[in-house]
Amino acid sequence: MSAKPLESTTLIGLYDEDFLAWCEETGRLLRARRFAQVDVENLIEEVEAMAGSQRRELESRLTVLLLHLLKWERQPGKRKLGWENTIVAQRRELRRLFQQSPSLRPALAKAIIAVYSDAVEDATRESRLPVSAFPPECPYTPEQIMDRNFLPAART
């Protein structure tokens, strides 16, 4: 038994009431090429939000990766397998993100600049080292950050 199609005005209200149902109905309408019945304004908003979500994922994963690279470099006596596992996992997920959305790759250098201070803030809090223990600008190139084999040399 299939769901009963919704009226266009009902679809607009559904966006606020039941997002999943709105998505499913919007998909059904698009597949049926019934474009006049699509809630275009909310669809535009959601498509734009998806692009922002990809950028936020890039920045979030990069912040975590930089945090662990900084801790690895600045706290060699406290290195843990978990730090290395996090570095490996974040690089893997960033590679997958770039495969899924290749247009994000050129944004990597700019994202590094944008999130580096957040990574330093987190590293300062977690390590209890002063901010001055960390370089004011990211010491790693985008290539190093993404290199599966790169781990920074110890600096204290």
N, C-alpha and C. Protein backbone atom coordinates (compact mmCIF):
# COMPACT_ATOMS: atom_id res chain seq x y z
N MET A 1 0.84 -1.17 0.00
CA MET A 1 0.00 0.00 0.00
C MET A 1 0.89 1.23 0.00
N SER A 2 0.74 2.12 -1.00
CA SER A 2 1.60 3.30 -1.10
C SER A 2 0.95 4.49 -0.39
N ALA A 3 1.80 5.42 0.01
CA ALA A 3 1.31 6.61 0.70
C ALA A 3 0.53 7.49 -0.26
N LYS A 4 -0.49 8.13 0.25
CA LYS A 4 -1.31 9.02 -0.55
C LYS A 4 -0.52 10.29 -0.87
N PRO A 5 -0.49 10.72 -2.15
CA PRO A 5 0.21 11.95 -2.49
C PRO A 5 -0.38 13.13 -1.73
N LEU A 6 0.48 14.08 -1.42
CA LEU A 6 0.06 15.26 -0.67
C LEU A 6 -0.16 16.44 -1.59
N GLU A 7 -1.05 17.33 -1.22
CA GLU A 7 -1.26 18.57 -1.94
C GLU A 7 -0.04 19.47 -1.74
N SER A 8 0.20 20.38 -2.66
CA SER A 8 1.35 21.27 -2.58
C SER A 8 1.33 22.11 -1.31
N THR A 9 0.16 22.66 -0.96
CA THR A 9 0.08 23.48 0.25
C THR A 9 0.34 22.65 1.49
N THR A 10 -0.07 21.38 1.46
CA THR A 10 0.19 20.47 2.58
C THR A 10 1.68 20.19 2.68
N LEU A 11 2.36 20.08 1.54
CA LEU A 11 3.79 19.80 1.51
C LEU A 11 4.56 20.92 2.19
N ILE A 12 4.18 22.16 1.97
CA ILE A 12 4.85 23.30 2.60
C ILE A 12 4.70 23.21 4.12
N GLY A 13 3.52 22.91 4.60
CA GLY A 13 3.31 22.76 6.04
C GLY A 13 4.04 21.57 6.61
N LEU A 14 4.16 20.53 5.81
CA LEU A 14 4.83 19.31 6.25
C LEU A 14 6.30 19.55 6.57
N TYR A 15 6.92 20.49 5.90
CA TYR A 15 8.33 20.80 6.12
C TYR A 15 8.60 21.10 7.59
N ASP A 16 7.72 21.85 8.22
CA ASP A 16 7.89 22.20 9.63
C ASP A 16 7.40 21.11 10.57
N GLU A 17 6.48 20.28 10.12
CA GLU A 17 5.85 19.28 10.99
C GLU A 17 6.56 17.93 11.00
N ASP A 18 7.04 17.49 9.82
CA ASP A 18 7.64 16.16 9.70
C ASP A 18 8.64 16.19 8.56
N PHE A 19 9.88 16.52 8.88
CA PHE A 19 10.92 16.72 7.87
C PHE A 19 11.15 15.47 7.03
N LEU A 20 11.19 14.30 7.66
CA LEU A 20 11.39 13.06 6.91
C LEU A 20 10.28 12.86 5.88
N ALA A 21 9.04 13.04 6.30
CA ALA A 21 7.92 12.88 5.36
C ALA A 21 8.01 13.91 4.24
N TRP A 22 8.44 15.13 4.57
CA TRP A 22 8.62 16.18 3.56
C TRP A 22 9.67 15.74 2.54
N CYS A 23 10.79 15.20 3.02
CA CYS A 23 11.86 14.74 2.12
C CYS A 23 11.36 13.62 1.21
N GLU A 24 10.68 12.66 1.79
CA GLU A 24 10.18 11.53 1.00
C GLU A 24 9.18 11.99 -0.05
N GLU A 25 8.27 12.87 0.32
CA GLU A 25 7.28 13.36 -0.63
C GLU A 25 7.93 14.23 -1.69
N THR A 26 8.90 15.03 -1.30
CA THR A 26 9.60 15.86 -2.28
C THR A 26 10.33 14.98 -3.28
N GLY A 27 10.99 13.93 -2.81
CA GLY A 27 11.65 12.99 -3.70
C GLY A 27 10.68 12.32 -4.65
N ARG A 28 9.51 11.92 -4.11
CA ARG A 28 8.50 11.28 -4.96
C ARG A 28 8.03 12.23 -6.06
N LEU A 29 7.79 13.48 -5.70
CA LEU A 29 7.34 14.48 -6.68
C LEU A 29 8.41 14.74 -7.73
N LEU A 30 9.66 14.83 -7.32
CA LEU A 30 10.74 15.08 -8.27
C LEU A 30 10.89 13.90 -9.23
N ARG A 31 10.82 12.68 -8.70
CA ARG A 31 10.93 11.49 -9.57
C ARG A 31 9.78 11.43 -10.58
N ALA A 32 8.63 11.88 -10.16
CA ALA A 32 7.46 11.87 -11.04
C ALA A 32 7.45 13.08 -11.98
N ARG A 33 8.47 13.93 -11.85
CA ARG A 33 8.60 15.15 -12.67
C ARG A 33 7.41 16.09 -12.47
N ARG A 34 6.90 16.11 -11.26
CA ARG A 34 5.77 16.99 -10.91
C ARG A 34 6.33 18.22 -10.21
N PHE A 35 7.13 18.97 -10.96
CA PHE A 35 7.89 20.08 -10.41
C PHE A 35 7.01 21.21 -9.87
N ALA A 36 5.86 21.41 -10.46
CA ALA A 36 4.97 22.49 -10.01
C ALA A 36 4.47 22.26 -8.59
N GLN A 37 4.49 21.01 -8.13
CA GLN A 37 3.98 20.70 -6.79
C GLN A 37 5.08 20.67 -5.73
N VAL A 38 6.32 20.86 -6.14
CA VAL A 38 7.45 20.82 -5.21
C VAL A 38 7.50 22.11 -4.39
N ASP A 39 7.83 21.96 -3.13
CA ASP A 39 8.04 23.09 -2.21
C ASP A 39 9.43 23.65 -2.52
N VAL A 40 9.51 24.49 -3.54
CA VAL A 40 10.78 24.95 -4.10
C VAL A 40 11.60 25.75 -3.09
N GLU A 41 10.98 26.66 -2.36
CA GLU A 41 11.74 27.52 -1.44
C GLU A 41 12.45 26.69 -0.37
N ASN A 42 11.76 25.75 0.23
CA ASN A 42 12.39 24.91 1.25
C ASN A 42 13.40 23.95 0.62
N LEU A 43 13.15 23.49 -0.59
CA LEU A 43 14.10 22.62 -1.28
C LEU A 43 15.41 23.37 -1.55
N ILE A 44 15.32 24.61 -1.99
CA ILE A 44 16.51 25.45 -2.22
C ILE A 44 17.28 25.59 -0.91
N GLU A 45 16.58 25.88 0.15
CA GLU A 45 17.21 26.06 1.47
C GLU A 45 17.96 24.79 1.88
N GLU A 46 17.35 23.64 1.67
CA GLU A 46 17.97 22.38 2.07
C GLU A 46 19.19 22.04 1.21
N VAL A 47 19.13 22.31 -0.07
CA VAL A 47 20.27 22.04 -0.95
C VAL A 47 21.44 22.94 -0.55
N GLU A 48 21.17 24.20 -0.28
CA GLU A 48 22.24 25.11 0.17
C GLU A 48 22.80 24.67 1.52
N ALA A 49 21.94 24.19 2.39
CA ALA A 49 22.39 23.72 3.71
C ALA A 49 23.30 22.50 3.57
N MET A 50 23.03 21.66 2.59
CA MET A 50 23.88 20.48 2.37
C MET A 50 25.30 20.90 2.02
N ALA A 51 25.45 21.94 1.21
CA ALA A 51 26.79 22.44 0.86
C ALA A 51 27.50 22.94 2.12
N GLY A 52 26.79 23.67 2.94
CA GLY A 52 27.38 24.16 4.19
C GLY A 52 27.76 23.02 5.11
N SER A 53 26.98 21.98 5.11
CA SER A 53 27.26 20.81 5.94
C SER A 53 28.58 20.14 5.52
N GLN A 54 28.82 20.07 4.23
CA GLN A 54 30.07 19.49 3.73
C GLN A 54 31.27 20.33 4.19
N ARG A 55 31.13 21.65 4.13
CA ARG A 55 32.22 22.53 4.58
C ARG A 55 32.44 22.39 6.08
N ARG A 56 31.37 22.30 6.84
CA ARG A 56 31.50 22.14 8.30
C ARG A 56 32.16 20.81 8.64
N GLU A 57 31.84 19.75 7.87
CA GLU A 57 32.48 18.46 8.12
C GLU A 57 33.98 18.56 7.84
N LEU A 58 34.35 19.22 6.75
CA LEU A 58 35.77 19.43 6.45
C LEU A 58 36.45 20.13 7.62
N GLU A 59 35.88 21.21 8.09
CA GLU A 59 36.49 21.99 9.17
C GLU A 59 36.52 21.21 10.48
N SER A 60 35.49 20.48 10.78
CA SER A 60 35.44 19.72 12.02
C SER A 60 36.50 18.62 12.03
N ARG A 61 36.57 17.84 10.95
CA ARG A 61 37.55 16.76 10.88
C ARG A 61 38.97 17.30 10.87
N LEU A 62 39.16 18.41 10.19
CA LEU A 62 40.48 19.03 10.13
C LEU A 62 40.91 19.56 11.50
N THR A 63 40.00 20.11 12.26
CA THR A 63 40.32 20.60 13.60
C THR A 63 40.79 19.45 14.48
N VAL A 64 40.09 18.34 14.44
CA VAL A 64 40.46 17.16 15.25
C VAL A 64 41.81 16.62 14.79
N LEU A 65 42.03 16.57 13.49
CA LEU A 65 43.29 16.08 12.96
C LEU A 65 44.45 16.97 13.39
N LEU A 66 44.29 18.27 13.25
CA LEU A 66 45.35 19.20 13.66
C LEU A 66 45.61 19.12 15.16
N LEU A 67 44.56 19.03 15.95
CA LEU A 67 44.71 18.88 17.40
C LEU A 67 45.62 17.71 17.72
N HIS A 68 45.38 16.58 17.10
CA HIS A 68 46.16 15.38 17.41
C HIS A 68 47.58 15.44 16.84
N LEU A 69 47.75 16.10 15.70
CA LEU A 69 49.11 16.30 15.19
C LEU A 69 49.91 17.20 16.14
N LEU A 70 49.27 18.25 16.63
CA LEU A 70 49.94 19.15 17.58
C LEU A 70 50.30 18.43 18.87
N LYS A 71 49.38 17.66 19.40
CA LYS A 71 49.67 16.92 20.64
C LYS A 71 50.80 15.92 20.39
N TRP A 72 50.76 15.25 19.25
CA TRP A 72 51.79 14.27 18.91
C TRP A 72 53.17 14.94 18.89
N GLU A 73 53.23 16.12 18.28
CA GLU A 73 54.49 16.84 18.15
C GLU A 73 54.97 17.42 19.49
N ARG A 74 54.07 18.00 20.24
CA ARG A 74 54.45 18.75 21.44
C ARG A 74 54.49 17.93 22.72
N GLN A 75 53.94 16.73 22.70
CA GLN A 75 53.93 15.89 23.90
C GLN A 75 54.42 14.48 23.58
N PRO A 76 55.65 14.34 23.12
CA PRO A 76 56.13 13.02 22.71
C PRO A 76 56.13 12.00 23.85
N GLY A 77 56.31 12.45 25.07
CA GLY A 77 56.31 11.52 26.20
C GLY A 77 54.94 11.02 26.58
N LYS A 78 53.91 11.62 26.04
CA LYS A 78 52.53 11.22 26.37
C LYS A 78 51.79 10.62 25.18
N ARG A 79 52.52 10.33 24.12
CA ARG A 79 51.88 9.79 22.92
C ARG A 79 51.11 8.53 23.26
N LYS A 80 49.95 8.42 22.62
CA LYS A 80 49.07 7.27 22.84
C LYS A 80 48.67 6.70 21.49
N LEU A 81 48.40 5.42 21.48
CA LEU A 81 47.93 4.78 20.26
C LEU A 81 46.63 5.44 19.80
N GLY A 82 45.82 5.88 20.75
CA GLY A 82 44.56 6.54 20.41
C GLY A 82 44.76 7.80 19.59
N TRP A 83 45.82 8.54 19.88
CA TRP A 83 46.11 9.75 19.10
C TRP A 83 46.42 9.38 17.65
N GLU A 84 47.26 8.38 17.48
CA GLU A 84 47.61 7.95 16.13
C GLU A 84 46.38 7.39 15.41
N ASN A 85 45.56 6.63 16.11
CA ASN A 85 44.32 6.10 15.51
C ASN A 85 43.40 7.23 15.07
N THR A 86 43.32 8.28 15.86
CA THR A 86 42.49 9.43 15.50
C THR A 86 43.04 10.12 14.26
N ILE A 87 44.35 10.28 14.19
CA ILE A 87 44.99 10.89 13.02
C ILE A 87 44.65 10.08 11.77
N VAL A 88 44.81 8.77 11.86
CA VAL A 88 44.53 7.87 10.73
C VAL A 88 43.05 7.97 10.33
N ALA A 89 42.17 7.93 11.31
CA ALA A 89 40.73 7.95 11.03
C ALA A 89 40.29 9.26 10.41
N GLN A 90 40.80 10.38 10.91
CA GLN A 90 40.40 11.68 10.36
C GLN A 90 40.91 11.86 8.94
N ARG A 91 42.13 11.39 8.67
CA ARG A 91 42.64 11.46 7.30
C ARG A 91 41.79 10.60 6.37
N ARG A 92 41.43 9.42 6.84
CA ARG A 92 40.60 8.52 6.02
C ARG A 92 39.26 9.20 5.69
N GLU A 93 38.64 9.76 6.71
CA GLU A 93 37.33 10.40 6.48
C GLU A 93 37.45 11.64 5.60
N LEU A 94 38.54 12.37 5.73
CA LEU A 94 38.76 13.52 4.84
C LEU A 94 38.96 13.05 3.40
N ARG A 95 39.71 11.97 3.19
CA ARG A 95 39.86 11.42 1.83
C ARG A 95 38.51 11.04 1.26
N ARG A 96 37.68 10.40 2.06
CA ARG A 96 36.34 10.01 1.59
C ARG A 96 35.50 11.24 1.26
N LEU A 97 35.62 12.25 2.09
CA LEU A 97 34.87 13.49 1.84
C LEU A 97 35.32 14.12 0.52
N PHE A 98 36.62 14.12 0.25
CA PHE A 98 37.14 14.68 -1.00
C PHE A 98 36.74 13.82 -2.20
N GLN A 99 36.63 12.51 -2.01
CA GLN A 99 36.17 11.65 -3.11
C GLN A 99 34.70 11.93 -3.41
N GLN A 100 33.93 12.14 -2.35
CA GLN A 100 32.50 12.40 -2.51
C GLN A 100 32.25 13.79 -3.08
N SER A 101 33.08 14.75 -2.67
CA SER A 101 32.92 16.14 -3.09
C SER A 101 34.29 16.71 -3.48
N PRO A 102 34.77 16.38 -4.68
CA PRO A 102 36.10 16.83 -5.10
C PRO A 102 36.28 18.35 -5.07
N SER A 103 35.22 19.10 -5.21
CA SER A 103 35.35 20.56 -5.19
C SER A 103 35.74 21.09 -3.82
N LEU A 104 35.69 20.25 -2.78
CA LEU A 104 36.14 20.66 -1.45
C LEU A 104 37.66 20.66 -1.32
N ARG A 105 38.34 19.83 -2.10
CA ARG A 105 39.79 19.70 -1.95
C ARG A 105 40.52 21.04 -2.06
N PRO A 106 40.19 21.89 -3.03
CA PRO A 106 40.88 23.18 -3.09
C PRO A 106 40.62 24.06 -1.86
N ALA A 107 39.61 23.77 -1.10
CA ALA A 107 39.29 24.55 0.10
C ALA A 107 40.13 24.14 1.30
N LEU A 108 40.95 23.08 1.17
CA LEU A 108 41.71 22.56 2.30
C LEU A 108 42.65 23.61 2.89
N ALA A 109 43.45 24.27 2.06
CA ALA A 109 44.42 25.25 2.57
C ALA A 109 43.72 26.38 3.33
N LYS A 110 42.63 26.87 2.79
CA LYS A 110 41.88 27.94 3.45
C LYS A 110 41.25 27.44 4.76
N ALA A 111 40.78 26.21 4.74
CA ALA A 111 40.18 25.63 5.95
C ALA A 111 41.22 25.46 7.05
N ILE A 112 42.44 25.10 6.67
CA ILE A 112 43.51 24.95 7.67
C ILE A 112 43.72 26.28 8.40
N ILE A 113 43.78 27.35 7.64
CA ILE A 113 43.96 28.68 8.23
C ILE A 113 42.78 29.01 9.14
N ALA A 114 41.57 28.66 8.69
CA ALA A 114 40.36 28.99 9.45
C ALA A 114 40.26 28.25 10.77
N VAL A 115 40.72 27.00 10.82
CA VAL A 115 40.50 26.19 12.03
C VAL A 115 41.73 26.02 12.90
N TYR A 116 42.88 26.46 12.43
CA TYR A 116 44.10 26.21 13.20
C TYR A 116 44.02 26.77 14.62
N SER A 117 43.50 27.97 14.77
CA SER A 117 43.42 28.55 16.13
C SER A 117 42.51 27.72 17.04
N ASP A 118 41.47 27.12 16.47
CA ASP A 118 40.60 26.24 17.26
C ASP A 118 41.37 24.99 17.70
N ALA A 119 42.18 24.45 16.81
CA ALA A 119 42.98 23.26 17.15
C ALA A 119 43.98 23.60 18.25
N VAL A 120 44.58 24.79 18.16
CA VAL A 120 45.53 25.22 19.20
C VAL A 120 44.80 25.41 20.53
N GLU A 121 43.64 26.01 20.48
CA GLU A 121 42.84 26.20 21.71
C GLU A 121 42.53 24.85 22.36
N ASP A 122 42.11 23.89 21.55
CA ASP A 122 41.81 22.55 22.07
C ASP A 122 43.07 21.86 22.60
N ALA A 123 44.17 22.01 21.87
CA ALA A 123 45.43 21.40 22.29
C ALA A 123 45.92 22.01 23.60
N THR A 124 45.76 23.31 23.74
CA THR A 124 46.15 24.00 24.98
C THR A 124 45.34 23.46 26.16
N ARG A 125 44.06 23.33 25.95
CA ARG A 125 43.18 22.83 27.01
C ARG A 125 43.50 21.39 27.37
N GLU A 126 43.68 20.54 26.37
CA GLU A 126 43.92 19.12 26.63
C GLU A 126 45.31 18.83 27.17
N SER A 127 46.30 19.57 26.69
CA SER A 127 47.69 19.30 27.09
C SER A 127 48.12 20.07 28.33
N ARG A 128 47.39 21.12 28.63
CA ARG A 128 47.75 22.04 29.73
C ARG A 128 49.05 22.80 29.42
N LEU A 129 49.46 22.79 28.15
CA LEU A 129 50.60 23.59 27.73
C LEU A 129 50.12 25.01 27.44
N PRO A 130 50.99 26.01 27.57
CA PRO A 130 50.58 27.37 27.25
C PRO A 130 50.40 27.54 25.74
N VAL A 131 49.62 28.51 25.36
CA VAL A 131 49.41 28.80 23.93
C VAL A 131 50.74 29.02 23.23
N SER A 132 51.68 29.63 23.94
CA SER A 132 52.99 29.93 23.35
C SER A 132 53.77 28.67 22.99
N ALA A 133 53.35 27.51 23.46
CA ALA A 133 54.03 26.25 23.11
C ALA A 133 53.71 25.83 21.68
N PHE A 134 52.73 26.47 21.08
CA PHE A 134 52.30 26.09 19.74
C PHE A 134 52.60 27.21 18.76
N PRO A 135 52.99 26.87 17.54
CA PRO A 135 53.28 27.90 16.55
C PRO A 135 52.04 28.77 16.28
N PRO A 136 52.25 30.06 16.01
CA PRO A 136 51.10 30.93 15.75
C PRO A 136 50.38 30.60 14.44
N GLU A 137 51.09 29.97 13.51
CA GLU A 137 50.48 29.53 12.25
C GLU A 137 50.73 28.03 12.10
N CYS A 138 49.87 27.40 11.35
CA CYS A 138 49.98 25.95 11.19
C CYS A 138 51.35 25.57 10.61
N PRO A 139 52.07 24.69 11.29
CA PRO A 139 53.41 24.31 10.82
C PRO A 139 53.40 23.20 9.76
N TYR A 140 52.23 22.71 9.43
CA TYR A 140 52.12 21.59 8.50
C TYR A 140 51.52 22.06 7.18
N THR A 141 52.03 21.53 6.10
CA THR A 141 51.47 21.84 4.78
C THR A 141 50.22 20.98 4.58
N PRO A 142 49.36 21.38 3.65
CA PRO A 142 48.21 20.53 3.33
C PRO A 142 48.63 19.12 2.93
N GLU A 143 49.75 19.02 2.22
CA GLU A 143 50.23 17.70 1.80
C GLU A 143 50.64 16.85 3.00
N GLN A 144 51.33 17.45 3.96
CA GLN A 144 51.70 16.72 5.16
C GLN A 144 50.47 16.30 5.95
N ILE A 145 49.54 17.20 6.08
CA ILE A 145 48.32 16.92 6.85
C ILE A 145 47.60 15.70 6.28
N MET A 146 47.58 15.58 4.97
CA MET A 146 46.85 14.47 4.33
C MET A 146 47.73 13.24 4.07
N ASP A 147 49.03 13.34 4.29
CA ASP A 147 49.96 12.24 4.03
C ASP A 147 49.75 11.12 5.05
N ARG A 148 49.42 9.95 4.57
CA ARG A 148 49.15 8.79 5.44
C ARG A 148 50.35 8.46 6.33
N ASN A 149 51.54 8.80 5.90
CA ASN A 149 52.75 8.41 6.62
C ASN A 149 53.35 9.54 7.47
N PHE A 150 52.78 10.71 7.39
CA PHE A 150 53.37 11.84 8.10
C PHE A 150 52.91 11.90 9.55
N LEU A 151 53.89 11.91 10.43
CA LEU A 151 53.68 12.25 11.83
C LEU A 151 54.79 13.23 12.18
N PRO A 152 54.45 14.35 12.79
CA PRO A 152 55.49 15.35 13.07
C PRO A 152 56.53 14.84 14.05
N ALA A 153 57.76 15.33 13.86
CA ALA A 153 58.84 15.00 14.78
C ALA A 153 58.56 15.66 16.12
N ALA A 154 59.10 15.07 17.16
CA ALA A 154 58.88 15.59 18.51
C ALA A 154 59.54 16.95 18.67
N ARG A 155 58.78 17.86 19.27
CA ARG A 155 59.27 19.18 19.69
C ARG A 155 58.67 19.47 21.04
N THR A 156 59.46 19.87 21.94
CA THR A 156 58.92 20.20 23.27
C THR A 156 59.14 21.65 23.59
